[in-house]
Amino acid sequence: MGSLIIQDIFIYPIKSLGGIRLEKASVEERGFSFDRRWMLVDEDGVFVSQRTFPKLALLQVKLSSKGLSVFPKNEPNHSILIPFDQESKESVKVVVWDDSMAAKLVDSSFDHWFSEFLGKKVRLVKMPESTHRLVSPKYAVKGESVSFADGMPYLLIGQESLNDLNQRLEEPVSMDRFRPNLVFSGGEPFQEDSFKKLKIGTVDFQVVKPCARCVLITVDQGTGIKGKEPLQTLSSYRTQGNKVLFGQNMVALGEGVVKLGDEIRLIE
């Protein structure tokens, strides 16, 4: 068995918008620094995502020294800058799946920009450090908290798993549909299914559960158009119970930095 090497590191600062590939990232309990610390919510405070608004895929996010730059992929000049530290004093209750938590409104000018783009009234919110949204006790190792991610702080996928899927598809898909945080090269397809505890760089991670996939993976991240694949093909050979599995969710057991080229060392 050859080495398992980190080939991609991604963060998604605003939930369900375009991701950013990094050369290195800081590992925090609730996810990589800046990962899913912002999100869009509807008038009831419920998160909005590509599941119902595939068009969100067309919004790209970049990190600048001052904040998050957001722009439509086909109109890079039509951008806004959201300062990292900008948040109002006003807290609102927001909902991600079964969890509700306190978040801060950012600024109404951003709400207007996103609402205009989507054709639906939405608000931009930020997770303050004071909000601790706990990972489900069924999976937490030490009572970890998580960002606005669907449920887990980290998602790991092997490139070989995607290669295996793509060999079964008429039109190959890219990894961005699956929104991983870490992608590794080497090993066998779906080798990550067998991982339990591992070390990347200086940081230990615990694999806690396989990632169940939904219609979001059918959204082409370049066009914002929803289709049937790759969910249809994936479900034909990766279904367990009523869940279609691809990738492994993890929690970090410490803090530190992971970098491209780091080797994954299996502890158990």
Protein backbone atom coordinates (compact mmCIF):
# COMPACT_ATOMS: atom_id res chain seq x y z
CA MET A 1 0.00 0.00 0.00
CA GLY A 2 1.47 3.36 -1.05
CA SER A 3 1.36 6.55 1.01
CA LEU A 4 -1.84 8.48 1.51
CA ILE A 5 -1.10 12.15 0.80
CA ILE A 6 -3.29 15.23 1.29
CA GLN A 7 -3.81 16.63 -2.23
CA ASP A 8 -6.60 19.17 -1.55
CA ILE A 9 -7.79 21.25 1.38
CA PHE A 10 -11.10 23.10 1.05
CA ILE A 11 -13.13 25.50 3.14
CA TYR A 12 -16.62 26.85 2.45
CA PRO A 13 -16.81 30.11 4.44
CA ILE A 14 -20.48 30.71 3.55
CA LYS A 15 -22.51 27.52 3.78
CA SER A 16 -23.57 26.17 0.36
CA LEU A 17 -21.60 28.74 -1.68
CA GLY A 18 -18.44 28.01 -3.69
CA GLY A 19 -15.47 26.56 -1.83
CA ILE A 20 -11.87 27.75 -1.59
CA ARG A 21 -8.83 25.52 -2.06
CA LEU A 22 -6.05 26.29 0.41
CA GLU A 23 -2.41 25.27 0.72
CA LYS A 24 -2.75 24.97 4.47
CA ALA A 25 -5.52 25.37 7.03
CA SER A 26 -5.79 25.83 10.78
CA VAL A 27 -7.60 23.01 12.54
CA GLU A 28 -10.16 24.17 15.10
CA GLU A 29 -12.68 22.14 17.04
CA ARG A 30 -15.68 23.33 15.00
CA GLY A 31 -13.92 22.93 11.62
CA PHE A 32 -11.10 24.63 9.72
CA SER A 33 -10.71 28.38 10.37
CA PHE A 34 -13.38 30.31 8.42
CA ASP A 35 -15.18 27.11 7.33
CA ARG A 36 -18.97 27.63 7.32
CA ARG A 37 -18.88 30.43 9.86
CA TRP A 38 -21.41 32.37 7.74
CA MET A 39 -24.65 31.27 6.10
CA LEU A 40 -27.80 32.54 4.45
CA VAL A 41 -31.13 32.04 6.19
CA ASP A 42 -34.73 32.66 5.12
CA GLU A 43 -37.22 34.87 6.93
CA ASP A 44 -37.81 32.13 9.51
CA GLY A 45 -34.10 31.81 10.25
CA VAL A 46 -33.83 28.43 8.48
CA PHE A 47 -30.66 27.86 6.44
CA VAL A 48 -30.90 27.97 2.66
CA SER A 49 -28.76 25.69 0.52
CA GLN A 50 -28.17 24.40 -3.00
CA ARG A 51 -30.76 21.68 -2.31
CA THR A 52 -33.51 24.23 -2.94
CA PHE A 53 -31.45 26.99 -4.57
CA PRO A 54 -28.91 25.31 -6.88
CA LYS A 55 -28.04 28.80 -8.14
CA LEU A 56 -25.99 29.31 -4.95
CA ALA A 57 -23.30 27.18 -6.61
CA LEU A 58 -22.66 30.13 -8.93
CA LEU A 59 -21.49 32.36 -6.09
CA GLN A 60 -17.75 32.13 -5.50
CA VAL A 61 -16.06 33.16 -2.25
CA LYS A 62 -12.44 34.29 -1.87
CA LEU A 63 -10.45 35.13 1.25
CA SER A 64 -8.80 38.52 1.17
CA SER A 65 -6.79 40.20 3.92
CA LYS A 66 -9.84 42.22 4.94
CA GLY A 67 -12.67 39.73 4.62
CA LEU A 68 -14.68 37.52 2.30
CA SER A 69 -15.04 38.61 -1.30
CA VAL A 70 -18.19 37.14 -2.92
CA PHE A 71 -19.07 37.34 -6.62
CA PRO A 72 -21.04 35.45 -9.28
CA LYS A 73 -18.66 33.11 -11.16
CA ASN A 74 -19.68 34.65 -14.49
CA GLU A 75 -19.45 38.27 -13.21
CA PRO A 76 -16.30 38.51 -11.08
CA ASN A 77 -16.47 42.32 -11.11
CA HIS A 78 -19.87 42.33 -9.42
CA SER A 79 -18.43 41.57 -5.99
CA ILE A 80 -19.05 42.45 -2.36
CA LEU A 81 -16.57 42.43 0.51
CA ILE A 82 -17.78 41.12 3.86
CA PRO A 83 -15.31 42.19 6.59
CA PHE A 84 -14.30 39.29 8.85
CA ASP A 85 -15.21 41.16 12.03
CA GLN A 86 -18.47 42.66 10.81
CA GLU A 87 -21.52 41.61 12.81
CA SER A 88 -24.41 43.51 14.30
CA LYS A 89 -25.21 43.49 18.01
CA GLU A 90 -28.46 41.82 17.11
CA SER A 91 -28.69 38.06 17.67
CA VAL A 92 -31.21 35.91 15.84
CA LYS A 93 -32.17 32.28 16.26
CA VAL A 94 -31.18 30.20 13.23
CA VAL A 95 -31.89 26.60 12.31
CA VAL A 96 -29.67 24.00 10.63
CA TRP A 97 -31.55 20.71 10.34
CA ASP A 98 -32.55 19.72 13.90
CA ASP A 99 -30.37 22.30 15.63
CA SER A 100 -31.27 25.85 16.53
CA MET A 101 -28.65 28.28 17.75
CA ALA A 102 -27.87 31.96 18.16
CA ALA A 103 -26.20 33.81 15.29
CA LYS A 104 -25.37 37.44 14.56
CA LEU A 105 -26.83 39.39 11.65
CA VAL A 106 -24.05 40.86 9.52
CA ASP A 107 -25.41 43.89 7.62
CA SER A 108 -28.62 44.58 5.70
CA SER A 109 -26.68 45.72 2.61
CA PHE A 110 -25.41 42.15 2.19
CA ASP A 111 -28.92 40.80 2.78
CA HIS A 112 -30.14 42.92 -0.16
CA TRP A 113 -27.29 41.77 -2.42
CA PHE A 114 -27.92 38.06 -1.77
CA SER A 115 -31.73 38.46 -1.92
CA GLU A 116 -31.47 40.17 -5.28
CA PHE A 117 -29.22 37.42 -6.63
CA LEU A 118 -31.51 34.63 -5.41
CA GLY A 119 -34.85 36.30 -6.03
CA LYS A 120 -35.80 35.40 -2.46
CA LYS A 121 -35.52 37.33 0.76
CA VAL A 122 -32.55 36.02 2.72
CA ARG A 123 -30.28 37.29 5.47
CA LEU A 124 -26.58 36.71 6.02
CA VAL A 125 -25.66 35.53 9.51
CA LYS A 126 -22.39 34.77 11.25
CA MET A 127 -21.61 32.28 14.00
CA PRO A 128 -20.11 34.10 17.00
CA GLU A 129 -17.48 32.38 19.15
CA SER A 130 -20.03 32.33 21.97
CA THR A 131 -22.32 29.93 20.08
CA HIS A 132 -21.57 26.29 20.79
CA ARG A 133 -23.56 24.02 18.53
CA LEU A 134 -22.76 20.53 19.75
CA VAL A 135 -21.97 17.59 17.50
CA SER A 136 -24.60 14.87 18.01
CA PRO A 137 -23.68 13.01 21.24
CA LYS A 138 -23.99 9.79 19.25
CA TYR A 139 -20.82 10.75 17.35
CA ALA A 140 -18.94 13.27 19.48
CA VAL A 141 -15.70 12.11 21.08
CA LYS A 142 -15.24 14.88 23.65
CA GLY A 143 -18.39 17.00 23.32
CA GLU A 144 -17.12 18.82 20.21
CA SER A 145 -18.97 21.75 18.73
CA VAL A 146 -19.46 22.34 15.01
CA SER A 147 -19.93 25.30 12.65
CA PHE A 148 -22.96 25.77 10.38
CA ALA A 149 -21.91 22.58 8.53
CA ASP A 150 -24.63 19.94 8.12
CA GLY A 151 -23.51 18.14 11.26
CA MET A 152 -19.80 17.37 11.39
CA PRO A 153 -16.68 19.55 11.47
CA TYR A 154 -14.59 17.65 8.87
CA LEU A 155 -15.20 15.57 5.72
CA LEU A 156 -12.46 13.38 4.22
CA ILE A 157 -12.67 11.73 0.76
CA GLY A 158 -10.11 9.68 -1.19
CA GLN A 159 -9.47 10.71 -4.80
CA GLU A 160 -9.57 7.01 -5.71
CA SER A 161 -13.19 6.82 -4.50
CA LEU A 162 -14.16 9.56 -6.96
CA ASN A 163 -12.13 7.89 -9.73
CA ASP A 164 -14.06 4.67 -9.07
CA LEU A 165 -17.38 6.52 -9.31
CA ASN A 166 -16.33 8.38 -12.46
CA GLN A 167 -15.48 5.12 -14.24
CA ARG A 168 -19.17 4.20 -13.84
CA LEU A 169 -20.55 7.53 -15.11
CA GLU A 170 -21.11 8.60 -18.70
CA GLU A 171 -19.94 12.10 -17.77
CA PRO A 172 -17.35 12.33 -14.99
CA VAL A 173 -18.02 14.76 -12.13
CA SER A 174 -15.53 16.78 -10.14
CA MET A 175 -14.86 16.55 -6.42
CA ASP A 176 -16.44 19.96 -5.74
CA ARG A 177 -19.92 18.37 -5.81
CA PHE A 178 -19.12 16.49 -2.60
CA ARG A 179 -17.79 19.48 -0.64
CA PRO A 180 -14.97 17.71 1.20
CA ASN A 181 -12.54 19.49 3.53
CA LEU A 182 -9.71 17.07 2.84
CA VAL A 183 -8.97 14.95 -0.25
CA PHE A 184 -6.15 12.43 -0.27
CA SER A 185 -4.37 10.65 -3.11
CA GLY A 186 -3.14 7.06 -3.02
CA GLY A 187 -4.64 3.90 -1.60
CA GLU A 188 -7.70 2.02 -2.82
CA PRO A 189 -11.20 3.26 -3.67
CA PHE A 190 -13.20 3.77 -0.47
CA GLN A 191 -10.23 2.96 1.73
CA GLU A 192 -11.41 5.78 3.99
CA ASP A 193 -14.36 3.55 4.99
CA SER A 194 -11.93 1.55 7.14
CA PHE A 195 -10.22 4.53 8.84
CA LYS A 196 -10.76 5.02 12.56
CA LYS A 197 -8.12 7.27 14.08
CA LEU A 198 -5.51 9.07 12.01
CA LYS A 199 -2.86 11.74 12.15
CA ILE A 200 -2.43 14.45 9.49
CA GLY A 201 0.59 16.64 10.07
CA THR A 202 0.62 17.03 13.86
CA VAL A 203 -3.14 16.73 14.36
CA ASP A 204 -5.09 13.61 15.33
CA PHE A 205 -8.57 13.07 13.90
CA GLN A 206 -11.24 10.52 14.75
CA VAL A 207 -13.47 9.21 11.96
CA VAL A 208 -16.98 9.14 13.45
CA LYS A 209 -19.39 8.22 10.66
CA PRO A 210 -19.78 7.83 6.90
CA CYS A 211 -21.24 10.84 5.11
CA ALA A 212 -24.78 10.28 3.77
CA ARG A 213 -25.30 12.08 0.46
CA CYS A 214 -28.32 13.97 -0.84
CA VAL A 215 -29.49 15.76 -3.99
CA LEU A 216 -26.89 18.48 -3.47
CA ILE A 217 -24.33 16.30 -5.26
CA THR A 218 -26.51 16.46 -8.41
CA VAL A 219 -25.86 20.21 -8.76
CA ASP A 220 -23.19 21.05 -11.34
CA GLN A 221 -21.00 23.56 -9.48
CA GLY A 222 -20.05 25.33 -12.71
CA THR A 223 -23.56 25.87 -14.06
CA GLY A 224 -25.85 25.65 -11.01
CA ILE A 225 -27.98 23.12 -12.89
CA LYS A 226 -29.40 20.05 -11.11
CA GLY A 227 -29.44 16.62 -12.77
CA LYS A 228 -29.81 12.99 -11.67
CA GLU A 229 -26.16 12.04 -11.50
CA PRO A 230 -23.98 11.12 -9.74
CA LEU A 231 -26.56 10.27 -7.06
CA GLN A 232 -28.33 7.69 -9.22
CA THR A 233 -25.16 5.72 -9.98
CA LEU A 234 -23.72 6.16 -6.49
CA SER A 235 -26.92 4.80 -4.94
CA SER A 236 -26.62 1.64 -7.08
CA TYR A 237 -23.52 0.49 -5.20
CA ARG A 238 -23.00 2.67 -2.13
CA THR A 239 -26.37 2.36 -0.37
CA GLN A 240 -26.53 1.13 3.21
CA GLY A 241 -29.96 1.05 4.81
CA ASN A 242 -31.62 4.04 3.15
CA LYS A 243 -28.45 6.14 2.96
CA VAL A 244 -26.06 6.66 0.06
CA LEU A 245 -22.55 6.90 1.51
CA PHE A 246 -19.54 8.76 0.13
CA GLY A 247 -16.73 10.15 2.30
CA GLN A 248 -16.12 10.01 6.03
CA ASN A 249 -16.97 12.59 8.69
CA MET A 250 -14.35 13.34 11.33
CA VAL A 251 -13.76 15.35 14.46
CA ALA A 252 -10.36 16.82 15.33
CA LEU A 253 -8.83 15.63 18.59
CA GLY A 254 -6.51 18.64 18.81
CA GLU A 255 -5.55 21.87 17.08
CA GLY A 256 -2.76 22.62 14.64
CA VAL A 257 -2.18 23.12 10.92
CA VAL A 258 -2.59 20.71 8.01
CA LYS A 259 -0.84 21.34 4.70
CA LEU A 260 -0.97 20.02 1.15
CA GLY A 261 1.47 17.11 0.88
CA ASP A 262 0.97 15.98 4.50
CA GLU A 263 0.85 12.23 4.87
CA ILE A 264 -2.11 10.51 6.53
CA ARG A 265 -0.82 8.16 9.20
CA LEU A 266 -3.30 5.59 10.47
CA ILE A 267 -3.14 5.28 14.26
CA GLU A 268 -5.70 2.47 14.47
